[in-house]
Amino acid sequence: MKVVILAAGMARRLQPLTNSTPKCLLPVGDKTLIDRALISIKAAGLSHVVIVTGFEADQIKKHCQSHYSDINFEWIHNERFEETNNIYSLWLTKETMSGHSLLLLDSDIIFHHQILTNLLESNFENCLALRESDKLGDEEIKVTVDEEGFVKAISKVVDPKQAIGESLGIELFGIGLTYKLFRCVNELIVKQGRDNDFYEVAFEKIIFEGGQIKPVSVGSLPCMEIDTASDLQAAFPLSIQLDHE
């Protein structure tokens, strides 16, 4: 299994904090977002991490290599980070992910380390972390499920009234579904030119073709996505909670 962390974006909504600092290197409490992710990855027993960089790539690489010598890093640079979305960054990992299962992480989330463990120890080879909620807006990646409890739709445009919660940006796929994922991503980018989409559009294509992804609720475990300065402020007490567990 390889972990893929997507960290190429410019985080314009967090400017001026991100004028010269990538979002994943912003401190939340006494640790950066990337630190918190890597600590959780290590706690889950994983050590092979692929990081896709873009904006201020050297800062991220230097930070990770100087603090985590026990992690085997692979570095992939998205030279088109200013004009593409995360589906393109994911597509760039297609060769290194061939023949491997995938743990996919967005780099702008703060979460309890047990969430990773729960995914890895679940009975589902293909699953994603879900924050159950009936208070969802336009920004969240919302999830609906079918009669068997598998993901039916996953996107920002899902009707909040139909959704059972929000996808956190943490997904676990076995080798088989990882192969299908990259086949779908490749078709979307190469044949349709959709390099500015969110990667969830590929999840929906997989589901349309018969693939199954199980949402695994995080329950009361703390987690949130950081998009704005107000998010960063709101995450501070959460970071204190995480650091004292």
C-alpha atoms as a PDB file:
ATOM      1  CA  MET A   1       0.000   0.000   0.000  1.00  0.00           C
ATOM      2  CA  LYS A   2       1.083   3.519  -0.794  1.00  0.00           C
ATOM      3  CA  VAL A   3      -0.276   6.712   0.712  1.00  0.00           C
ATOM      4  CA  VAL A   4      -0.865   9.579  -1.706  1.00  0.00           C
ATOM      5  CA  ILE A   5      -1.096  13.114  -0.323  1.00  0.00           C
ATOM      6  CA  LEU A   6      -2.225  15.838  -2.701  1.00  0.00           C
ATOM      7  CA  ALA A   7      -0.504  19.106  -1.786  1.00  0.00           C
ATOM      8  CA  ALA A   8      -0.166  21.105  -4.996  1.00  0.00           C
ATOM      9  CA  GLY A   9      -2.722  23.878  -4.550  1.00  0.00           C
ATOM     10  CA  MET A  10      -2.191  27.585  -3.914  1.00  0.00           C
ATOM     11  CA  ALA A  11      -4.922  28.008  -1.256  1.00  0.00           C
ATOM     12  CA  ARG A  12      -5.982  31.429  -2.516  1.00  0.00           C
ATOM     13  CA  ARG A  13      -8.813  31.674   0.024  1.00  0.00           C
ATOM     14  CA  LEU A  14      -6.234  31.633   2.814  1.00  0.00           C
ATOM     15  CA  GLN A  15      -4.167  34.503   1.441  1.00  0.00           C
ATOM     16  CA  PRO A  16      -2.235  36.410   2.721  1.00  0.00           C
ATOM     17  CA  LEU A  17      -1.322  33.495   5.035  1.00  0.00           C
ATOM     18  CA  THR A  18      -0.482  31.417   1.973  1.00  0.00           C
ATOM     19  CA  ASN A  19       1.209  34.088  -0.129  1.00  0.00           C
ATOM     20  CA  SER A  20       4.538  32.327   0.306  1.00  0.00           C
ATOM     21  CA  THR A  21       3.616  29.288   2.417  1.00  0.00           C
ATOM     22  CA  PRO A  22       1.750  26.211   1.145  1.00  0.00           C
ATOM     23  CA  LYS A  23      -1.423  25.434   3.047  1.00  0.00           C
ATOM     24  CA  CYS A  24      -0.130  22.106   4.351  1.00  0.00           C
ATOM     25  CA  LEU A  25       2.706  23.921   6.157  1.00  0.00           C
ATOM     26  CA  LEU A  26       0.394  26.262   8.039  1.00  0.00           C
ATOM     27  CA  PRO A  27       0.545  25.589  11.781  1.00  0.00           C
ATOM     28  CA  VAL A  28      -2.588  24.408  13.533  1.00  0.00           C
ATOM     29  CA  GLY A  29      -1.603  24.548  17.167  1.00  0.00           C
ATOM     30  CA  ASP A  30       1.998  23.429  17.501  1.00  0.00           C
ATOM     31  CA  LYS A  31       2.049  21.237  14.367  1.00  0.00           C
ATOM     32  CA  THR A  32       1.519  21.878  10.677  1.00  0.00           C
ATOM     33  CA  LEU A  33      -1.228  20.143   8.731  1.00  0.00           C
ATOM     34  CA  ILE A  34       1.289  17.916   6.942  1.00  0.00           C
ATOM     35  CA  ASP A  35       2.904  17.010  10.273  1.00  0.00           C
ATOM     36  CA  ARG A  36      -0.423  15.887  11.662  1.00  0.00           C
ATOM     37  CA  ALA A  37      -1.124  13.778   8.586  1.00  0.00           C
ATOM     38  CA  LEU A  38       2.300  12.113   8.607  1.00  0.00           C
ATOM     39  CA  ILE A  39       2.128  11.380  12.338  1.00  0.00           C
ATOM     40  CA  SER A  40      -1.236   9.676  11.794  1.00  0.00           C
ATOM     41  CA  ILE A  41       0.138   7.729   8.832  1.00  0.00           C
ATOM     42  CA  LYS A  42       3.029   6.461  10.941  1.00  0.00           C
ATOM     43  CA  ALA A  43       0.653   5.564  13.784  1.00  0.00           C
ATOM     44  CA  ALA A  44      -1.307   3.431  11.303  1.00  0.00           C
ATOM     45  CA  GLY A  45       1.862   1.495  10.468  1.00  0.00           C
ATOM     46  CA  LEU A  46       2.353   2.927   6.981  1.00  0.00           C
ATOM     47  CA  SER A  47       5.651   4.270   5.693  1.00  0.00           C
ATOM     48  CA  HIS A  48       5.494   4.706   1.888  1.00  0.00           C
ATOM     49  CA  VAL A  49       4.159   8.163   1.087  1.00  0.00           C
ATOM     50  CA  VAL A  50       3.768   9.805  -2.317  1.00  0.00           C
ATOM     51  CA  ILE A  51       3.356  13.583  -2.123  1.00  0.00           C
ATOM     52  CA  VAL A  52       2.196  15.585  -5.122  1.00  0.00           C
ATOM     53  CA  THR A  53       3.500  19.128  -4.836  1.00  0.00           C
ATOM     54  CA  GLY A  54       3.007  22.302  -6.817  1.00  0.00           C
ATOM     55  CA  PHE A  55       3.074  25.690  -5.106  1.00  0.00           C
ATOM     56  CA  GLU A  56       6.272  26.139  -3.048  1.00  0.00           C
ATOM     57  CA  ALA A  57       7.213  22.496  -3.605  1.00  0.00           C
ATOM     58  CA  ASP A  58      10.716  22.875  -2.175  1.00  0.00           C
ATOM     59  CA  GLN A  59       9.365  24.070   1.177  1.00  0.00           C
ATOM     60  CA  ILE A  60       7.217  20.965   1.539  1.00  0.00           C
ATOM     61  CA  LYS A  61       9.980  18.595   0.466  1.00  0.00           C
ATOM     62  CA  LYS A  62      12.563  20.150   2.777  1.00  0.00           C
ATOM     63  CA  HIS A  63      10.201  20.101   5.759  1.00  0.00           C
ATOM     64  CA  CYS A  64       9.146  16.479   5.321  1.00  0.00           C
ATOM     65  CA  GLN A  65      12.617  15.106   4.620  1.00  0.00           C
ATOM     66  CA  SER A  66      14.150  16.906   7.595  1.00  0.00           C
ATOM     67  CA  HIS A  67      11.513  15.712  10.082  1.00  0.00           C
ATOM     68  CA  TYR A  68      10.561  12.215   8.869  1.00  0.00           C
ATOM     69  CA  SER A  69      13.633  10.208   7.951  1.00  0.00           C
ATOM     70  CA  ASP A  70      11.740   6.992   8.727  1.00  0.00           C
ATOM     71  CA  ILE A  71       9.216   7.593   5.936  1.00  0.00           C
ATOM     72  CA  ASN A  72       9.938   6.528   2.361  1.00  0.00           C
ATOM     73  CA  PHE A  73       8.890   9.560   0.331  1.00  0.00           C
ATOM     74  CA  GLU A  74       8.211   9.762  -3.377  1.00  0.00           C
ATOM     75  CA  TRP A  75       7.882  13.226  -4.872  1.00  0.00           C
ATOM     76  CA  ILE A  76       5.795  14.139  -7.892  1.00  0.00           C
ATOM     77  CA  HIS A  77       5.561  17.737  -9.055  1.00  0.00           C
ATOM     78  CA  ASN A  78       2.456  19.164 -10.690  1.00  0.00           C
ATOM     79  CA  GLU A  79       3.903  21.870 -12.915  1.00  0.00           C
ATOM     80  CA  ARG A  80       0.371  22.944 -13.845  1.00  0.00           C
ATOM     81  CA  PHE A  81      -0.762  23.538 -10.262  1.00  0.00           C
ATOM     82  CA  GLU A  82      -2.073  27.039 -11.029  1.00  0.00           C
ATOM     83  CA  GLU A  83      -4.516  25.833 -13.682  1.00  0.00           C
ATOM     84  CA  THR A  84      -5.546  22.309 -12.662  1.00  0.00           C
ATOM     85  CA  ASN A  85      -7.515  20.713  -9.846  1.00  0.00           C
ATOM     86  CA  ASN A  86      -6.801  17.705  -7.651  1.00  0.00           C
ATOM     87  CA  ILE A  87      -7.904  15.150 -10.258  1.00  0.00           C
ATOM     88  CA  TYR A  88      -4.853  16.136 -12.301  1.00  0.00           C
ATOM     89  CA  SER A  89      -2.519  15.806  -9.318  1.00  0.00           C
ATOM     90  CA  LEU A  90      -3.957  12.350  -8.664  1.00  0.00           C
ATOM     91  CA  TRP A  91      -3.493  11.412 -12.342  1.00  0.00           C
ATOM     92  CA  LEU A  92       0.220  12.216 -12.065  1.00  0.00           C
ATOM     93  CA  THR A  93       0.621   9.326  -9.585  1.00  0.00           C
ATOM     94  CA  LYS A  94      -0.725   6.712 -12.013  1.00  0.00           C
ATOM     95  CA  GLU A  95       2.615   5.076 -12.772  1.00  0.00           C
ATOM     96  CA  THR A  96       3.870   4.800  -9.202  1.00  0.00           C
ATOM     97  CA  MET A  97       0.482   3.485  -8.048  1.00  0.00           C
ATOM     98  CA  SER A  98       0.347   0.681 -10.623  1.00  0.00           C
ATOM     99  CA  GLY A  99      -0.119  -2.617  -8.796  1.00  0.00           C
ATOM    100  CA  HIS A 100      -0.596  -1.021  -5.372  1.00  0.00           C
ATOM    101  CA  SER A 101      -3.516  -0.361  -3.081  1.00  0.00           C
ATOM    102  CA  LEU A 102      -4.142   3.298  -2.286  1.00  0.00           C
ATOM    103  CA  LEU A 103      -4.742   5.431   0.774  1.00  0.00           C
ATOM    104  CA  LEU A 104      -5.582   8.879  -0.586  1.00  0.00           C
ATOM    105  CA  LEU A 105      -5.414  11.995   1.575  1.00  0.00           C
ATOM    106  CA  ASP A 106      -6.121  15.634   0.940  1.00  0.00           C
ATOM    107  CA  SER A 107      -3.444  17.781   2.582  1.00  0.00           C
ATOM    108  CA  ASP A 108      -5.788  20.355   4.116  1.00  0.00           C
ATOM    109  CA  ILE A 109      -7.562  18.268   6.736  1.00  0.00           C
ATOM    110  CA  ILE A 110      -7.002  17.898  10.452  1.00  0.00           C
ATOM    111  CA  PHE A 111      -8.267  14.629  11.870  1.00  0.00           C
ATOM    112  CA  HIS A 112      -7.980  12.118  14.684  1.00  0.00           C
ATOM    113  CA  HIS A 113      -5.424   9.405  13.892  1.00  0.00           C
ATOM    114  CA  GLN A 114      -7.982   6.710  14.737  1.00  0.00           C
ATOM    115  CA  ILE A 115      -9.877   7.603  11.563  1.00  0.00           C
ATOM    116  CA  LEU A 116      -7.111   6.079   9.436  1.00  0.00           C
ATOM    117  CA  THR A 117      -6.949   3.018  11.654  1.00  0.00           C
ATOM    118  CA  ASN A 118     -10.713   2.554  11.429  1.00  0.00           C
ATOM    119  CA  LEU A 119     -10.587   2.593   7.624  1.00  0.00           C
ATOM    120  CA  LEU A 120      -7.691   0.148   7.496  1.00  0.00           C
ATOM    121  CA  GLU A 121      -9.376  -2.200   9.975  1.00  0.00           C
ATOM    122  CA  SER A 122     -12.852  -1.992   8.448  1.00  0.00           C
ATOM    123  CA  ASN A 123     -14.370  -4.944   6.630  1.00  0.00           C
ATOM    124  CA  PHE A 124     -14.405  -2.978   3.388  1.00  0.00           C
ATOM    125  CA  GLU A 125     -11.555  -3.021   0.893  1.00  0.00           C
ATOM    126  CA  ASN A 126     -12.854   0.141  -0.747  1.00  0.00           C
ATOM    127  CA  CYS A 127     -14.105   2.826   1.594  1.00  0.00           C
ATOM    128  CA  LEU A 128     -13.966   6.480   2.559  1.00  0.00           C
ATOM    129  CA  ALA A 129     -14.160   8.478   5.761  1.00  0.00           C
ATOM    130  CA  LEU A 130     -17.550  10.119   6.291  1.00  0.00           C
ATOM    131  CA  ARG A 131     -18.574  12.829   8.718  1.00  0.00           C
ATOM    132  CA  GLU A 132     -22.274  12.265   9.244  1.00  0.00           C
ATOM    133  CA  SER A 133     -24.234  15.510   9.312  1.00  0.00           C
ATOM    134  CA  ASP A 134     -27.586  16.988   8.338  1.00  0.00           C
ATOM    135  CA  LYS A 135     -26.142  20.506   8.275  1.00  0.00           C
ATOM    136  CA  LEU A 136     -24.377  20.668   4.935  1.00  0.00           C
ATOM    137  CA  GLY A 137     -23.848  23.543   2.524  1.00  0.00           C
ATOM    138  CA  ASP A 138     -22.448  24.199  -0.919  1.00  0.00           C
ATOM    139  CA  GLU A 139     -18.773  23.683  -0.068  1.00  0.00           C
ATOM    140  CA  GLU A 140     -18.875  20.177   1.357  1.00  0.00           C
ATOM    141  CA  ILE A 141     -18.310  17.070  -0.757  1.00  0.00           C
ATOM    142  CA  LYS A 142     -21.644  15.468   0.043  1.00  0.00           C
ATOM    143  CA  VAL A 143     -22.469  11.760  -0.068  1.00  0.00           C
ATOM    144  CA  THR A 144     -25.651   9.832  -0.763  1.00  0.00           C
ATOM    145  CA  VAL A 145     -25.951   6.049  -0.477  1.00  0.00           C
ATOM    146  CA  ASP A 146     -27.903   3.275  -2.164  1.00  0.00           C
ATOM    147  CA  GLU A 147     -30.120   0.663  -0.520  1.00  0.00           C
ATOM    148  CA  GLU A 148     -27.071  -1.385   0.497  1.00  0.00           C
ATOM    149  CA  GLY A 149     -25.286   1.565   2.070  1.00  0.00           C
ATOM    150  CA  PHE A 150     -22.682   2.052  -0.659  1.00  0.00           C
ATOM    151  CA  VAL A 151     -21.907   5.457  -2.122  1.00  0.00           C
ATOM    152  CA  LYS A 152     -24.448   6.429  -4.774  1.00  0.00           C
ATOM    153  CA  ALA A 153     -23.334  10.015  -5.453  1.00  0.00           C
ATOM    154  CA  ILE A 154     -20.437  12.114  -4.164  1.00  0.00           C
ATOM    155  CA  SER A 155     -19.913  15.755  -5.121  1.00  0.00           C
ATOM    156  CA  LYS A 156     -20.454  19.343  -4.059  1.00  0.00           C
ATOM    157  CA  VAL A 157     -23.682  19.526  -6.077  1.00  0.00           C
ATOM    158  CA  VAL A 158     -25.418  16.649  -4.273  1.00  0.00           C
ATOM    159  CA  ASP A 159     -28.679  17.822  -2.693  1.00  0.00           C
ATOM    160  CA  PRO A 160     -27.895  18.387   1.014  1.00  0.00           C
ATOM    161  CA  LYS A 161     -31.352  17.071   1.903  1.00  0.00           C
ATOM    162  CA  GLN A 162     -30.477  13.715   0.331  1.00  0.00           C
ATOM    163  CA  ALA A 163     -26.952  13.474   1.737  1.00  0.00           C
ATOM    164  CA  ILE A 164     -25.989  11.457   4.790  1.00  0.00           C
ATOM    165  CA  GLY A 165     -22.829  13.458   5.400  1.00  0.00           C
ATOM    166  CA  GLU A 166     -19.572  14.855   4.096  1.00  0.00           C
ATOM    167  CA  SER A 167     -16.618  13.014   2.592  1.00  0.00           C
ATOM    168  CA  LEU A 168     -13.504  14.114   4.477  1.00  0.00           C
ATOM    169  CA  GLY A 169     -10.959  13.536   1.733  1.00  0.00           C
ATOM    170  CA  ILE A 170      -9.610  10.242   3.105  1.00  0.00           C
ATOM    171  CA  GLU A 171     -10.160   7.195   0.883  1.00  0.00           C
ATOM    172  CA  LEU A 172      -8.907   3.612   0.913  1.00  0.00           C
ATOM    173  CA  PHE A 173      -8.974   1.544  -2.289  1.00  0.00           C
ATOM    174  CA  GLY A 174      -7.758  -1.988  -2.902  1.00  0.00           C
ATOM    175  CA  ILE A 175      -5.576  -2.860  -5.882  1.00  0.00           C
ATOM    176  CA  GLY A 176      -8.541  -3.691  -8.113  1.00  0.00           C
ATOM    177  CA  LEU A 177     -10.450  -0.473  -7.542  1.00  0.00           C
ATOM    178  CA  THR A 178      -7.234   1.557  -7.667  1.00  0.00           C
ATOM    179  CA  TYR A 179      -6.696   0.203 -11.186  1.00  0.00           C
ATOM    180  CA  LYS A 180     -10.246   1.182 -12.136  1.00  0.00           C
ATOM    181  CA  LEU A 181      -9.792   4.599 -10.537  1.00  0.00           C
ATOM    182  CA  PHE A 182      -6.780   5.467 -12.648  1.00  0.00           C
ATOM    183  CA  ARG A 183      -8.436   4.108 -15.774  1.00  0.00           C
ATOM    184  CA  CYS A 184     -11.359   6.456 -15.125  1.00  0.00           C
ATOM    185  CA  VAL A 185      -9.116   9.392 -14.237  1.00  0.00           C
ATOM    186  CA  ASN A 186      -7.085   8.826 -17.396  1.00  0.00           C
ATOM    187  CA  GLU A 187     -10.211   8.788 -19.538  1.00  0.00           C
ATOM    188  CA  LEU A 188     -11.541  11.969 -17.933  1.00  0.00           C
ATOM    189  CA  ILE A 189      -8.289  13.859 -18.429  1.00  0.00           C
ATOM    190  CA  VAL A 190      -6.891  12.479 -21.680  1.00  0.00           C
ATOM    191  CA  LYS A 191     -10.127  11.943 -23.603  1.00  0.00           C
ATOM    192  CA  GLN A 192     -12.345  14.630 -22.071  1.00  0.00           C
ATOM    193  CA  GLY A 193      -9.839  17.255 -20.951  1.00  0.00           C
ATOM    194  CA  ARG A 194     -11.337  17.464 -17.470  1.00  0.00           C
ATOM    195  CA  ASP A 195      -8.145  18.362 -15.628  1.00  0.00           C
ATOM    196  CA  ASN A 196      -9.834  21.055 -13.538  1.00  0.00           C
ATOM    197  CA  ASP A 197     -12.333  18.755 -11.806  1.00  0.00           C
ATOM    198  CA  PHE A 198     -12.343  17.349  -8.317  1.00  0.00           C
ATOM    199  CA  TYR A 199     -11.262  13.700  -8.225  1.00  0.00           C
ATOM    200  CA  GLU A 200     -14.674  12.682  -6.899  1.00  0.00           C
ATOM    201  CA  VAL A 201     -15.959  12.845 -10.481  1.00  0.00           C
ATOM    202  CA  ALA A 202     -13.861   9.722 -11.100  1.00  0.00           C
ATOM    203  CA  PHE A 203     -15.423   8.051  -8.045  1.00  0.00           C
ATOM    204  CA  GLU A 204     -18.860   8.641  -9.548  1.00  0.00           C
ATOM    205  CA  LYS A 205     -17.708   7.150 -12.851  1.00  0.00           C
ATOM    206  CA  ILE A 206     -16.456   4.052 -11.008  1.00  0.00           C
ATOM    207  CA  ILE A 207     -19.802   3.744  -9.230  1.00  0.00           C
ATOM    208  CA  PHE A 208     -21.727   4.176 -12.500  1.00  0.00           C
ATOM    209  CA  GLU A 209     -19.687   1.290 -13.917  1.00  0.00           C
ATOM    210  CA  GLY A 210     -20.579  -0.956 -10.971  1.00  0.00           C
ATOM    211  CA  GLY A 211     -17.822  -0.292  -8.452  1.00  0.00           C
ATOM    212  CA  GLN A 212     -18.709  -0.089  -4.775  1.00  0.00           C
ATOM    213  CA  ILE A 213     -17.308   2.291  -2.161  1.00  0.00           C
ATOM    214  CA  LYS A 214     -18.451   2.080   1.445  1.00  0.00           C
ATOM    215  CA  PRO A 215     -18.660   5.197   3.601  1.00  0.00           C
ATOM    216  CA  VAL A 216     -17.221   4.581   7.074  1.00  0.00           C
ATOM    217  CA  SER A 217     -18.509   7.024   9.657  1.00  0.00           C
ATOM    218  CA  VAL A 218     -15.930   8.759  11.824  1.00  0.00           C
ATOM    219  CA  GLY A 219     -18.538   9.007  14.569  1.00  0.00           C
ATOM    220  CA  SER A 220     -17.515  11.531  17.210  1.00  0.00           C
ATOM    221  CA  LEU A 221     -13.826  11.544  16.249  1.00  0.00           C
ATOM    222  CA  PRO A 222     -12.761  15.150  15.558  1.00  0.00           C
ATOM    223  CA  CYS A 223     -11.970  16.218  12.010  1.00  0.00           C
ATOM    224  CA  MET A 224     -12.343  19.191   9.694  1.00  0.00           C
ATOM    225  CA  GLU A 225     -11.178  20.671   6.411  1.00  0.00           C
ATOM    226  CA  ILE A 226      -9.228  23.933   6.344  1.00  0.00           C
ATOM    227  CA  ASP A 227     -10.253  26.253   3.507  1.00  0.00           C
ATOM    228  CA  THR A 228     -10.412  29.732   5.040  1.00  0.00           C
ATOM    229  CA  ALA A 229      -8.913  31.817   7.833  1.00  0.00           C
ATOM    230  CA  SER A 230     -12.044  31.221   9.897  1.00  0.00           C
ATOM    231  CA  ASP A 231     -11.572  27.461   9.437  1.00  0.00           C
ATOM    232  CA  LEU A 232      -8.003  27.807  10.655  1.00  0.00           C
ATOM    233  CA  GLN A 233      -9.178  29.660  13.735  1.00  0.00           C
ATOM    234  CA  ALA A 234     -11.905  27.094  14.402  1.00  0.00           C
ATOM    235  CA  ALA A 235      -9.365  24.266  14.095  1.00  0.00           C
ATOM    236  CA  PHE A 236      -7.189  25.579  16.909  1.00  0.00           C
ATOM    237  CA  PRO A 237      -9.274  24.155  19.806  1.00  0.00           C
ATOM    238  CA  LEU A 238      -9.578  20.908  17.845  1.00  0.00           C
ATOM    239  CA  SER A 239      -5.784  20.742  17.621  1.00  0.00           C
ATOM    240  CA  ILE A 240      -5.506  21.145  21.386  1.00  0.00           C
ATOM    241  CA  GLN A 241      -7.991  18.310  21.850  1.00  0.00           C
ATOM    242  CA  LEU A 242      -6.028  16.051  19.505  1.00  0.00           C
ATOM    243  CA  ASP A 243      -2.703  16.872  21.145  1.00  0.00           C
ATOM    244  CA  HIS A 244      -3.987  15.864  24.577  1.00  0.00           C
ATOM    245  CA  GLU A 245      -5.333  12.442  23.617  1.00  0.00           C
END
